[in-house]
Amino acid sequence: MTRKPLLSTVAKARAFLAAYRKSANLTASARAAQIGVRNHYRWIEEYPAYAEAFTRAHLVARQFLKDKAIEYATVGWIEPVFYQGTICGRVKRRDSGLHQMLLRGACPEEFGKKLEVTGKDGAAIDTRLEVVFVKATAPEA
């Protein structure tokens, strides 16, 4: 039989899960809820309802990460440009490596790595192994 958590524990668990859904970061979420990360792991073991709630929050957090990745790859961000320690302008940056990874995941048939482990048109690979024994001779002096 599982024990019921204290009301203060429930409030902290809810604060932790709310922060986690918005950040996908366990450490930052624990800091926001004013708990240690170990509490989160202990609650998963002790309270099945919390474990289920965390599973749902984790799905939201995963989507948050995907959305951010797509945003950084397509929309980008504004970054300051410095000259001799002073901001002299701004430039828009995009993460092209992340963009490539997203394309590979979304359209593997077009952008995925090509690897053929069969012969042409799916045929078997024709291989032959030949071992030749040669009588060793002593080197001439």
N, C-alpha and C. Protein backbone atom coordinates (compact mmCIF):
# COMPACT_ATOMS: atom_id res chain seq x y z
N MET A 1 0.85 -1.18 0.00
CA MET A 1 0.00 0.00 0.00
C MET A 1 0.89 1.24 0.00
N THR A 2 0.58 2.17 -0.86
CA THR A 2 1.38 3.41 -0.93
C THR A 2 0.82 4.44 0.03
N ARG A 3 1.71 5.21 0.60
CA ARG A 3 1.27 6.24 1.53
C ARG A 3 0.90 7.50 0.75
N LYS A 4 0.07 8.32 1.38
CA LYS A 4 -0.35 9.57 0.74
C LYS A 4 0.69 10.65 1.01
N PRO A 5 1.00 11.46 0.00
CA PRO A 5 1.98 12.53 0.22
C PRO A 5 1.36 13.68 1.02
N LEU A 6 2.22 14.42 1.69
CA LEU A 6 1.79 15.62 2.41
C LEU A 6 1.35 16.68 1.41
N LEU A 7 0.49 17.59 1.85
CA LEU A 7 0.02 18.65 0.96
C LEU A 7 1.17 19.51 0.44
N SER A 8 2.16 19.76 1.29
CA SER A 8 3.31 20.55 0.83
C SER A 8 4.08 19.80 -0.26
N THR A 9 4.15 18.48 -0.15
CA THR A 9 4.81 17.66 -1.17
C THR A 9 4.04 17.72 -2.48
N VAL A 10 2.72 17.65 -2.39
CA VAL A 10 1.88 17.72 -3.60
C VAL A 10 2.07 19.07 -4.28
N ALA A 11 2.10 20.13 -3.51
CA ALA A 11 2.28 21.48 -4.09
C ALA A 11 3.64 21.58 -4.77
N LYS A 12 4.68 21.05 -4.14
CA LYS A 12 6.02 21.10 -4.74
C LYS A 12 6.10 20.21 -5.97
N ALA A 13 5.44 19.07 -5.93
CA ALA A 13 5.43 18.18 -7.09
C ALA A 13 4.73 18.86 -8.27
N ARG A 14 3.63 19.53 -7.99
CA ARG A 14 2.92 20.24 -9.07
C ARG A 14 3.78 21.37 -9.64
N ALA A 15 4.47 22.09 -8.76
CA ALA A 15 5.36 23.17 -9.24
C ALA A 15 6.49 22.59 -10.08
N PHE A 16 7.04 21.46 -9.64
CA PHE A 16 8.12 20.82 -10.39
C PHE A 16 7.63 20.41 -11.78
N LEU A 17 6.48 19.75 -11.84
CA LEU A 17 5.96 19.26 -13.13
C LEU A 17 5.61 20.43 -14.06
N ALA A 18 5.07 21.51 -13.50
CA ALA A 18 4.76 22.68 -14.33
C ALA A 18 6.03 23.27 -14.93
N ALA A 19 7.07 23.37 -14.13
CA ALA A 19 8.35 23.91 -14.63
C ALA A 19 8.97 22.95 -15.64
N TYR A 20 8.86 21.66 -15.40
CA TYR A 20 9.44 20.68 -16.31
C TYR A 20 8.77 20.71 -17.68
N ARG A 21 7.45 20.85 -17.70
CA ARG A 21 6.75 20.92 -18.98
C ARG A 21 7.22 22.09 -19.82
N LYS A 22 7.65 23.19 -19.18
CA LYS A 22 8.08 24.39 -19.89
C LYS A 22 9.57 24.42 -20.20
N SER A 23 10.35 23.53 -19.56
CA SER A 23 11.80 23.61 -19.74
C SER A 23 12.46 22.32 -20.18
N ALA A 24 11.85 21.18 -19.88
CA ALA A 24 12.44 19.86 -20.14
C ALA A 24 13.78 19.71 -19.42
N ASN A 25 13.94 20.41 -18.31
CA ASN A 25 15.20 20.43 -17.58
C ASN A 25 14.92 20.06 -16.12
N LEU A 26 15.38 18.89 -15.69
CA LEU A 26 15.11 18.42 -14.33
C LEU A 26 15.73 19.34 -13.27
N THR A 27 16.97 19.75 -13.49
CA THR A 27 17.66 20.58 -12.50
C THR A 27 16.98 21.94 -12.34
N ALA A 28 16.67 22.59 -13.45
CA ALA A 28 16.00 23.90 -13.39
C ALA A 28 14.60 23.76 -12.79
N SER A 29 13.91 22.68 -13.08
CA SER A 29 12.57 22.47 -12.54
C SER A 29 12.63 22.25 -11.04
N ALA A 30 13.62 21.51 -10.58
CA ALA A 30 13.79 21.30 -9.14
C ALA A 30 14.09 22.62 -8.45
N ARG A 31 14.94 23.43 -9.06
CA ARG A 31 15.27 24.74 -8.49
C ARG A 31 14.00 25.60 -8.41
N ALA A 32 13.19 25.58 -9.45
CA ALA A 32 11.96 26.38 -9.47
C ALA A 32 10.98 25.92 -8.39
N ALA A 33 10.94 24.63 -8.11
CA ALA A 33 10.03 24.09 -7.10
C ALA A 33 10.65 24.08 -5.70
N GLN A 34 11.90 24.53 -5.63
CA GLN A 34 12.65 24.57 -4.37
C GLN A 34 12.76 23.20 -3.72
N ILE A 35 13.16 22.23 -4.56
CA ILE A 35 13.41 20.87 -4.08
C ILE A 35 14.73 20.39 -4.66
N GLY A 36 15.19 19.25 -4.19
CA GLY A 36 16.34 18.61 -4.80
C GLY A 36 15.87 17.66 -5.89
N VAL A 37 16.68 17.42 -6.88
CA VAL A 37 16.30 16.50 -7.96
C VAL A 37 16.02 15.10 -7.41
N ARG A 38 16.70 14.74 -6.34
CA ARG A 38 16.49 13.41 -5.74
C ARG A 38 15.04 13.23 -5.29
N ASN A 39 14.41 14.32 -4.86
CA ASN A 39 13.00 14.21 -4.47
C ASN A 39 12.17 13.69 -5.63
N HIS A 40 12.42 14.21 -6.81
CA HIS A 40 11.69 13.78 -8.01
C HIS A 40 11.82 12.28 -8.20
N TYR A 41 13.04 11.76 -8.13
CA TYR A 41 13.25 10.32 -8.33
C TYR A 41 12.59 9.51 -7.21
N ARG A 42 12.64 10.02 -5.99
CA ARG A 42 12.00 9.32 -4.87
C ARG A 42 10.49 9.29 -5.06
N TRP A 43 9.92 10.42 -5.51
CA TRP A 43 8.47 10.47 -5.73
C TRP A 43 8.04 9.49 -6.81
N ILE A 44 8.86 9.34 -7.83
CA ILE A 44 8.53 8.36 -8.89
C ILE A 44 8.42 6.96 -8.30
N GLU A 45 9.33 6.63 -7.40
CA GLU A 45 9.31 5.30 -6.78
C GLU A 45 8.17 5.14 -5.77
N GLU A 46 7.88 6.18 -5.01
CA GLU A 46 6.92 6.08 -3.90
C GLU A 46 5.47 6.35 -4.29
N TYR A 47 5.24 7.18 -5.30
CA TYR A 47 3.87 7.61 -5.61
C TYR A 47 3.54 7.31 -7.08
N PRO A 48 2.78 6.24 -7.32
CA PRO A 48 2.41 5.90 -8.71
C PRO A 48 1.68 7.04 -9.43
N ALA A 49 0.87 7.80 -8.73
CA ALA A 49 0.16 8.91 -9.38
C ALA A 49 1.15 9.96 -9.87
N TYR A 50 2.20 10.20 -9.09
CA TYR A 50 3.22 11.15 -9.52
C TYR A 50 3.97 10.61 -10.74
N ALA A 51 4.29 9.32 -10.71
CA ALA A 51 4.99 8.71 -11.86
C ALA A 51 4.17 8.87 -13.13
N GLU A 52 2.87 8.67 -13.04
CA GLU A 52 2.00 8.85 -14.21
C GLU A 52 1.96 10.31 -14.65
N ALA A 53 1.88 11.21 -13.69
CA ALA A 53 1.86 12.64 -14.01
C ALA A 53 3.18 13.05 -14.67
N PHE A 54 4.29 12.50 -14.18
CA PHE A 54 5.58 12.84 -14.79
C PHE A 54 5.66 12.29 -16.21
N THR A 55 5.13 11.11 -16.45
CA THR A 55 5.12 10.55 -17.81
C THR A 55 4.37 11.49 -18.76
N ARG A 56 3.25 12.00 -18.33
CA ARG A 56 2.48 12.95 -19.16
C ARG A 56 3.26 14.26 -19.34
N ALA A 57 3.87 14.74 -18.26
CA ALA A 57 4.66 15.99 -18.36
C ALA A 57 5.85 15.80 -19.28
N HIS A 58 6.43 14.59 -19.26
CA HIS A 58 7.58 14.32 -20.12
C HIS A 58 7.20 14.39 -21.60
N LEU A 59 6.00 13.94 -21.94
CA LEU A 59 5.54 14.05 -23.33
C LEU A 59 5.43 15.51 -23.75
N VAL A 60 4.92 16.35 -22.86
CA VAL A 60 4.82 17.78 -23.16
C VAL A 60 6.22 18.37 -23.29
N ALA A 61 7.13 18.00 -22.39
CA ALA A 61 8.50 18.51 -22.43
C ALA A 61 9.21 18.10 -23.72
N ARG A 62 8.98 16.87 -24.16
CA ARG A 62 9.58 16.42 -25.43
C ARG A 62 9.10 17.27 -26.59
N GLN A 63 7.81 17.56 -26.60
CA GLN A 63 7.27 18.39 -27.68
C GLN A 63 7.85 19.79 -27.61
N PHE A 64 8.04 20.31 -26.40
CA PHE A 64 8.68 21.61 -26.21
C PHE A 64 10.06 21.61 -26.85
N LEU A 65 10.84 20.56 -26.61
CA LEU A 65 12.19 20.47 -27.19
C LEU A 65 12.14 20.41 -28.71
N LYS A 66 11.21 19.63 -29.24
CA LYS A 66 11.06 19.55 -30.70
C LYS A 66 10.70 20.91 -31.29
N ASP A 67 9.76 21.58 -30.64
CA ASP A 67 9.34 22.90 -31.13
C ASP A 67 10.50 23.89 -31.11
N LYS A 68 11.30 23.88 -30.04
CA LYS A 68 12.46 24.77 -29.96
C LYS A 68 13.48 24.44 -31.04
N ALA A 69 13.72 23.15 -31.27
CA ALA A 69 14.67 22.75 -32.31
C ALA A 69 14.22 23.25 -33.68
N ILE A 70 12.95 23.10 -33.97
CA ILE A 70 12.42 23.57 -35.25
C ILE A 70 12.53 25.09 -35.35
N GLU A 71 12.25 25.77 -34.25
CA GLU A 71 12.36 27.24 -34.24
C GLU A 71 13.80 27.68 -34.49
N TYR A 72 14.77 27.07 -33.81
CA TYR A 72 16.18 27.45 -34.00
C TYR A 72 16.67 27.12 -35.42
N ALA A 73 16.13 26.06 -36.01
CA ALA A 73 16.56 25.67 -37.35
C ALA A 73 15.91 26.51 -38.44
N THR A 74 14.71 26.98 -38.22
CA THR A 74 13.98 27.69 -39.28
C THR A 74 13.86 29.19 -39.03
N VAL A 75 13.38 29.59 -37.89
CA VAL A 75 13.19 31.01 -37.57
C VAL A 75 14.52 31.64 -37.15
N GLY A 76 15.25 30.93 -36.30
CA GLY A 76 16.53 31.43 -35.83
C GLY A 76 16.40 32.35 -34.63
N TRP A 77 17.45 33.10 -34.37
CA TRP A 77 17.50 34.02 -33.24
C TRP A 77 18.39 35.20 -33.61
N ILE A 78 18.22 36.29 -32.90
CA ILE A 78 19.02 37.49 -33.13
C ILE A 78 20.21 37.46 -32.17
N GLU A 79 21.38 37.71 -32.72
CA GLU A 79 22.61 37.68 -31.94
C GLU A 79 23.34 39.01 -32.11
N PRO A 80 23.83 39.59 -31.02
CA PRO A 80 24.56 40.86 -31.15
C PRO A 80 25.93 40.66 -31.81
N VAL A 81 26.38 41.68 -32.54
CA VAL A 81 27.70 41.68 -33.16
C VAL A 81 28.52 42.73 -32.43
N PHE A 82 29.73 42.34 -32.01
CA PHE A 82 30.59 43.25 -31.24
C PHE A 82 31.79 43.68 -32.07
N TYR A 83 32.21 44.90 -31.85
CA TYR A 83 33.45 45.41 -32.42
C TYR A 83 34.15 46.19 -31.31
N GLN A 84 35.34 45.76 -30.97
CA GLN A 84 36.13 46.36 -29.91
C GLN A 84 35.32 46.51 -28.62
N GLY A 85 34.56 45.45 -28.28
CA GLY A 85 33.82 45.41 -27.03
C GLY A 85 32.50 46.15 -27.02
N THR A 86 32.11 46.73 -28.14
CA THR A 86 30.86 47.49 -28.21
C THR A 86 29.93 46.84 -29.23
N ILE A 87 28.65 46.77 -28.90
CA ILE A 87 27.69 46.22 -29.86
C ILE A 87 27.56 47.19 -31.03
N CYS A 88 27.81 46.67 -32.23
CA CYS A 88 27.74 47.54 -33.41
C CYS A 88 26.62 47.10 -34.36
N GLY A 89 25.92 46.05 -34.01
CA GLY A 89 24.84 45.58 -34.87
C GLY A 89 24.28 44.26 -34.35
N ARG A 90 23.41 43.70 -35.16
CA ARG A 90 22.81 42.41 -34.82
C ARG A 90 22.72 41.58 -36.08
N VAL A 91 22.76 40.27 -35.90
CA VAL A 91 22.68 39.36 -37.03
C VAL A 91 21.73 38.23 -36.67
N LYS A 92 21.00 37.77 -37.68
CA LYS A 92 20.08 36.66 -37.46
C LYS A 92 20.83 35.36 -37.72
N ARG A 93 20.75 34.43 -36.79
CA ARG A 93 21.42 33.14 -36.91
C ARG A 93 20.38 32.03 -36.99
N ARG A 94 20.74 30.97 -37.71
CA ARG A 94 19.94 29.75 -37.76
C ARG A 94 20.91 28.59 -37.59
N ASP A 95 20.43 27.50 -37.04
CA ASP A 95 21.26 26.32 -36.82
C ASP A 95 21.08 25.36 -38.00
N SER A 96 22.01 25.42 -38.96
CA SER A 96 21.87 24.60 -40.17
C SER A 96 22.11 23.12 -39.88
N GLY A 97 22.97 22.81 -38.92
CA GLY A 97 23.18 21.41 -38.54
C GLY A 97 21.93 20.79 -37.96
N LEU A 98 21.24 21.55 -37.13
CA LEU A 98 19.98 21.09 -36.55
C LEU A 98 18.92 20.96 -37.64
N HIS A 99 18.92 21.89 -38.59
CA HIS A 99 17.99 21.83 -39.71
C HIS A 99 18.21 20.54 -40.50
N GLN A 100 19.46 20.21 -40.77
CA GLN A 100 19.78 18.99 -41.50
C GLN A 100 19.31 17.75 -40.73
N MET A 101 19.52 17.73 -39.43
CA MET A 101 19.10 16.60 -38.62
C MET A 101 17.57 16.45 -38.64
N LEU A 102 16.86 17.57 -38.56
CA LEU A 102 15.40 17.52 -38.61
C LEU A 102 14.91 17.00 -39.96
N LEU A 103 15.57 17.42 -41.04
CA LEU A 103 15.19 16.91 -42.36
C LEU A 103 15.44 15.42 -42.47
N ARG A 104 16.55 14.95 -41.94
CA ARG A 104 16.84 13.51 -41.98
C ARG A 104 15.79 12.71 -41.23
N GLY A 105 15.33 13.27 -40.10
CA GLY A 105 14.31 12.57 -39.33
C GLY A 105 12.94 12.61 -40.00
N ALA A 106 12.59 13.75 -40.58
CA ALA A 106 11.26 13.93 -41.17
C ALA A 106 11.16 13.28 -42.56
N CYS A 107 12.25 13.29 -43.32
CA CYS A 107 12.24 12.78 -44.70
C CYS A 107 13.45 11.86 -44.92
N PRO A 108 13.51 10.72 -44.23
CA PRO A 108 14.70 9.88 -44.35
C PRO A 108 14.93 9.34 -45.76
N GLU A 109 13.85 9.16 -46.53
CA GLU A 109 14.01 8.64 -47.89
C GLU A 109 14.75 9.62 -48.79
N GLU A 110 14.65 10.91 -48.50
CA GLU A 110 15.33 11.93 -49.30
C GLU A 110 16.64 12.40 -48.68
N PHE A 111 16.63 12.60 -47.37
CA PHE A 111 17.77 13.22 -46.71
C PHE A 111 18.53 12.28 -45.78
N GLY A 112 18.05 11.06 -45.60
CA GLY A 112 18.71 10.12 -44.71
C GLY A 112 20.00 9.59 -45.34
N LYS A 113 20.81 8.98 -44.52
CA LYS A 113 22.05 8.41 -45.03
C LYS A 113 21.72 7.19 -45.87
N LYS A 114 22.39 7.08 -46.99
CA LYS A 114 22.15 5.97 -47.90
C LYS A 114 23.16 4.85 -47.57
N LEU A 115 22.63 3.67 -47.33
CA LEU A 115 23.47 2.53 -47.02
C LEU A 115 22.84 1.31 -47.64
N GLU A 116 23.53 0.69 -48.57
CA GLU A 116 23.01 -0.50 -49.22
C GLU A 116 23.82 -1.69 -48.74
N VAL A 117 23.14 -2.62 -48.08
CA VAL A 117 23.82 -3.80 -47.55
C VAL A 117 23.57 -5.03 -48.41
N THR A 118 22.86 -4.84 -49.50
CA THR A 118 22.66 -5.92 -50.46
C THR A 118 23.32 -5.51 -51.76
N GLY A 119 23.33 -6.43 -52.70
CA GLY A 119 23.87 -6.11 -54.01
C GLY A 119 22.89 -5.23 -54.77
N LYS A 120 23.21 -4.95 -56.01
CA LYS A 120 22.36 -4.09 -56.84
C LYS A 120 20.95 -4.67 -56.93
N ASP A 121 19.96 -3.79 -56.78
CA ASP A 121 18.54 -4.14 -56.85
C ASP A 121 18.14 -5.22 -55.84
N GLY A 122 18.82 -5.28 -54.71
CA GLY A 122 18.45 -6.21 -53.65
C GLY A 122 19.04 -7.60 -53.80
N ALA A 123 19.84 -7.81 -54.82
CA ALA A 123 20.43 -9.13 -55.02
C ALA A 123 21.50 -9.38 -53.96
N ALA A 124 21.84 -10.65 -53.80
CA ALA A 124 22.87 -11.01 -52.83
C ALA A 124 24.22 -10.47 -53.27
N ILE A 125 25.07 -10.17 -52.31
CA ILE A 125 26.41 -9.70 -52.60
C ILE A 125 27.27 -10.91 -52.94
N ASP A 126 27.90 -10.86 -54.10
CA ASP A 126 28.74 -11.97 -54.54
C ASP A 126 30.12 -11.81 -53.92
N THR A 127 30.50 -12.74 -53.08
CA THR A 127 31.80 -12.66 -52.43
C THR A 127 32.58 -13.94 -52.67
N ARG A 128 33.89 -13.81 -52.61
CA ARG A 128 34.74 -14.98 -52.77
C ARG A 128 35.97 -14.75 -51.90
N LEU A 129 36.34 -15.78 -51.17
CA LEU A 129 37.51 -15.71 -50.31
C LEU A 129 38.49 -16.76 -50.79
N GLU A 130 39.68 -16.34 -51.08
CA GLU A 130 40.71 -17.27 -51.56
C GLU A 130 41.91 -17.19 -50.64
N VAL A 131 42.34 -18.35 -50.15
CA VAL A 131 43.51 -18.42 -49.29
C VAL A 131 44.59 -19.17 -50.05
N VAL A 132 45.75 -18.55 -50.16
CA VAL A 132 46.86 -19.16 -50.88
C VAL A 132 48.02 -19.32 -49.90
N PHE A 133 48.52 -20.55 -49.79
CA PHE A 133 49.66 -20.80 -48.92
C PHE A 133 50.91 -20.79 -49.78
N VAL A 134 51.90 -20.07 -49.34
CA VAL A 134 53.16 -19.95 -50.06
C VAL A 134 54.26 -20.48 -49.15
N LYS A 135 55.11 -21.31 -49.71
CA LYS A 135 56.19 -21.86 -48.90
C LYS A 135 57.22 -20.74 -48.63
N ALA A 136 57.50 -20.55 -47.36
CA ALA A 136 58.44 -19.50 -46.97
C ALA A 136 59.86 -19.98 -47.27
N THR A 137 60.65 -19.08 -47.77
CA THR A 137 62.07 -19.41 -48.03
C THR A 137 62.94 -18.52 -47.19
N ALA A 138 64.10 -19.01 -46.88
CA ALA A 138 65.03 -18.24 -46.06
C ALA A 138 65.60 -17.11 -46.92
N PRO A 139 65.77 -15.93 -46.34
CA PRO A 139 66.32 -14.82 -47.10
C PRO A 139 67.77 -15.10 -47.45
N GLU A 140 68.15 -14.67 -48.63
CA GLU A 140 69.54 -14.86 -49.07
C GLU A 140 70.43 -13.85 -48.37
N ALA A 141 71.64 -14.32 -48.04
CA ALA A 141 72.56 -13.46 -47.32
C ALA A 141 73.37 -12.59 -48.23
